[in-house]
């Protein structure tokens, strides 16, 4: 009589612990967003980009033009600024 009772207790113990091992979602991970946050560009940077677009500049020529344009406008091209 003791063996079936011990087996039943062992089975109930395993079943009661199974939710503890269930796979759960991580609460430490940030929620996924639909789109990454856009960087804010200065008005000078936007204007220089528009001028470069109007001139049809691309690649190194565009980068050089924007650098000169920002320098003349009084702004500074930071390493993170992209057009």
C-alpha atoms as a PDB file:
ATOM      1  CA  UNK A   1       0.000   0.000   0.000  1.00  0.00           C
ATOM      2  CA  UNK A   2       2.906   2.354   0.610  1.00  0.00           C
ATOM      3  CA  UNK A   3       4.374   1.962  -2.891  1.00  0.00           C
ATOM      4  CA  UNK A   4       1.277   3.115  -4.821  1.00  0.00           C
ATOM      5  CA  UNK A   5       0.848   6.024  -2.404  1.00  0.00           C
ATOM      6  CA  UNK A   6       4.484   7.080  -2.865  1.00  0.00           C
ATOM      7  CA  UNK A   7       4.166   6.744  -6.634  1.00  0.00           C
ATOM      8  CA  UNK A   8       1.021   8.898  -6.581  1.00  0.00           C
ATOM      9  CA  UNK A   9       2.723  11.550  -4.448  1.00  0.00           C
ATOM     10  CA  UNK A  10       5.756  11.559  -6.750  1.00  0.00           C
ATOM     11  CA  UNK A  11       3.519  11.953  -9.796  1.00  0.00           C
ATOM     12  CA  UNK A  12       1.577  14.810  -8.194  1.00  0.00           C
ATOM     13  CA  UNK A  13       4.840  16.471  -7.176  1.00  0.00           C
ATOM     14  CA  UNK A  14       6.157  16.339 -10.742  1.00  0.00           C
ATOM     15  CA  UNK A  15       2.918  17.701 -12.147  1.00  0.00           C
ATOM     16  CA  UNK A  16       2.838  20.553  -9.687  1.00  0.00           C
ATOM     17  CA  UNK A  17       6.404  21.597 -10.596  1.00  0.00           C
ATOM     18  CA  UNK A  18       5.919  21.414 -14.377  1.00  0.00           C
ATOM     19  CA  UNK A  19       4.593  25.013 -14.694  1.00  0.00           C
ATOM     20  CA  UNK A  20       7.840  26.220 -13.119  1.00  0.00           C
ATOM     21  CA  UNK A  21       9.757  24.737 -16.044  1.00  0.00           C
ATOM     22  CA  UNK A  22       7.345  25.942 -18.709  1.00  0.00           C
ATOM     23  CA  UNK A  23       8.790  28.225 -21.313  1.00  0.00           C
ATOM     24  CA  UNK A  24       7.802  31.830 -20.613  1.00  0.00           C
ATOM     25  CA  UNK A  25       8.458  35.045 -22.450  1.00  0.00           C
ATOM     26  CA  UNK A  26      11.332  37.140 -21.205  1.00  0.00           C
ATOM     27  CA  UNK A  27      10.185  40.260 -19.390  1.00  0.00           C
ATOM     28  CA  UNK A  28      13.628  41.868 -19.557  1.00  0.00           C
ATOM     29  CA  UNK A  29      13.579  42.234 -23.352  1.00  0.00           C
ATOM     30  CA  UNK A  30      12.153  45.534 -24.627  1.00  0.00           C
ATOM     31  CA  UNK A  31       9.011  45.307 -26.736  1.00  0.00           C
ATOM     32  CA  UNK A  32       9.591  45.280 -30.467  1.00  0.00           C
ATOM     33  CA  UNK A  33       8.702  48.486 -32.251  1.00  0.00           C
ATOM     34  CA  UNK A  34       7.343  48.750 -35.742  1.00  0.00           C
ATOM     35  CA  UNK A  35       9.994  51.234 -36.909  1.00  0.00           C
ATOM     36  CA  UNK A  36      13.261  52.503 -35.448  1.00  0.00           C
ATOM     37  CA  UNK A  37      13.306  56.054 -34.168  1.00  0.00           C
ATOM     38  CA  UNK A  38      14.427  58.514 -36.826  1.00  0.00           C
ATOM     39  CA  UNK A  39      17.305  60.835 -35.973  1.00  0.00           C
ATOM     40  CA  UNK A  40      16.553  64.523 -35.819  1.00  0.00           C
ATOM     41  CA  UNK A  41      18.482  66.556 -38.369  1.00  0.00           C
ATOM     42  CA  UNK A  42      19.163  70.265 -38.115  1.00  0.00           C
ATOM     43  CA  UNK A  43      17.401  72.626 -40.521  1.00  0.00           C
ATOM     44  CA  UNK A  44      20.797  73.402 -42.079  1.00  0.00           C
ATOM     45  CA  UNK A  45      21.427  69.709 -42.704  1.00  0.00           C
ATOM     46  CA  UNK A  46      18.022  69.280 -44.333  1.00  0.00           C
ATOM     47  CA  UNK A  47      18.518  72.355 -46.516  1.00  0.00           C
ATOM     48  CA  UNK A  48      21.979  71.185 -47.632  1.00  0.00           C
ATOM     49  CA  UNK A  49      20.520  67.773 -48.483  1.00  0.00           C
ATOM     50  CA  UNK A  50      17.791  69.393 -50.560  1.00  0.00           C
ATOM     51  CA  UNK A  51      20.395  71.428 -52.447  1.00  0.00           C
ATOM     52  CA  UNK A  52      22.461  68.299 -53.070  1.00  0.00           C
ATOM     53  CA  UNK A  53      19.323  66.529 -54.350  1.00  0.00           C
ATOM     54  CA  UNK A  54      18.553  69.437 -56.668  1.00  0.00           C
ATOM     55  CA  UNK A  55      22.067  69.262 -58.085  1.00  0.00           C
ATOM     56  CA  UNK A  56      21.801  65.475 -58.495  1.00  0.00           C
ATOM     57  CA  UNK A  57      24.903  64.806 -56.394  1.00  0.00           C
ATOM     58  CA  UNK A  58      25.708  61.307 -55.154  1.00  0.00           C
ATOM     59  CA  UNK A  59      28.526  59.572 -53.313  1.00  0.00           C
ATOM     60  CA  UNK A  60      31.720  61.446 -52.534  1.00  0.00           C
ATOM     61  CA  UNK A  61      30.632  64.571 -54.403  1.00  0.00           C
ATOM     62  CA  UNK A  62      27.449  64.779 -52.307  1.00  0.00           C
ATOM     63  CA  UNK A  63      29.355  64.241 -49.068  1.00  0.00           C
ATOM     64  CA  UNK A  64      31.869  66.965 -49.949  1.00  0.00           C
ATOM     65  CA  UNK A  65      29.113  69.365 -51.016  1.00  0.00           C
ATOM     66  CA  UNK A  66      27.169  68.817 -47.789  1.00  0.00           C
ATOM     67  CA  UNK A  67      30.303  69.265 -45.682  1.00  0.00           C
ATOM     68  CA  UNK A  68      31.067  72.592 -47.381  1.00  0.00           C
ATOM     69  CA  UNK A  69      27.407  73.650 -47.215  1.00  0.00           C
ATOM     70  CA  UNK A  70      27.149  72.887 -43.506  1.00  0.00           C
ATOM     71  CA  UNK A  71      30.383  74.746 -42.840  1.00  0.00           C
ATOM     72  CA  UNK A  72      29.066  77.818 -44.668  1.00  0.00           C
ATOM     73  CA  UNK A  73      25.707  77.556 -42.891  1.00  0.00           C
ATOM     74  CA  UNK A  74      27.415  77.570 -39.511  1.00  0.00           C
ATOM     75  CA  UNK A  75      26.405  74.022 -38.648  1.00  0.00           C
ATOM     76  CA  UNK A  76      28.773  71.190 -38.112  1.00  0.00           C
ATOM     77  CA  UNK A  77      28.571  67.796 -39.734  1.00  0.00           C
ATOM     78  CA  UNK A  78      28.700  65.239 -36.975  1.00  0.00           C
ATOM     79  CA  UNK A  79      29.872  61.696 -37.540  1.00  0.00           C
ATOM     80  CA  UNK A  80      26.288  60.416 -37.094  1.00  0.00           C
ATOM     81  CA  UNK A  81      24.718  62.834 -39.622  1.00  0.00           C
ATOM     82  CA  UNK A  82      23.724  61.101 -42.805  1.00  0.00           C
ATOM     83  CA  UNK A  83      21.725  62.393 -45.735  1.00  0.00           C
END
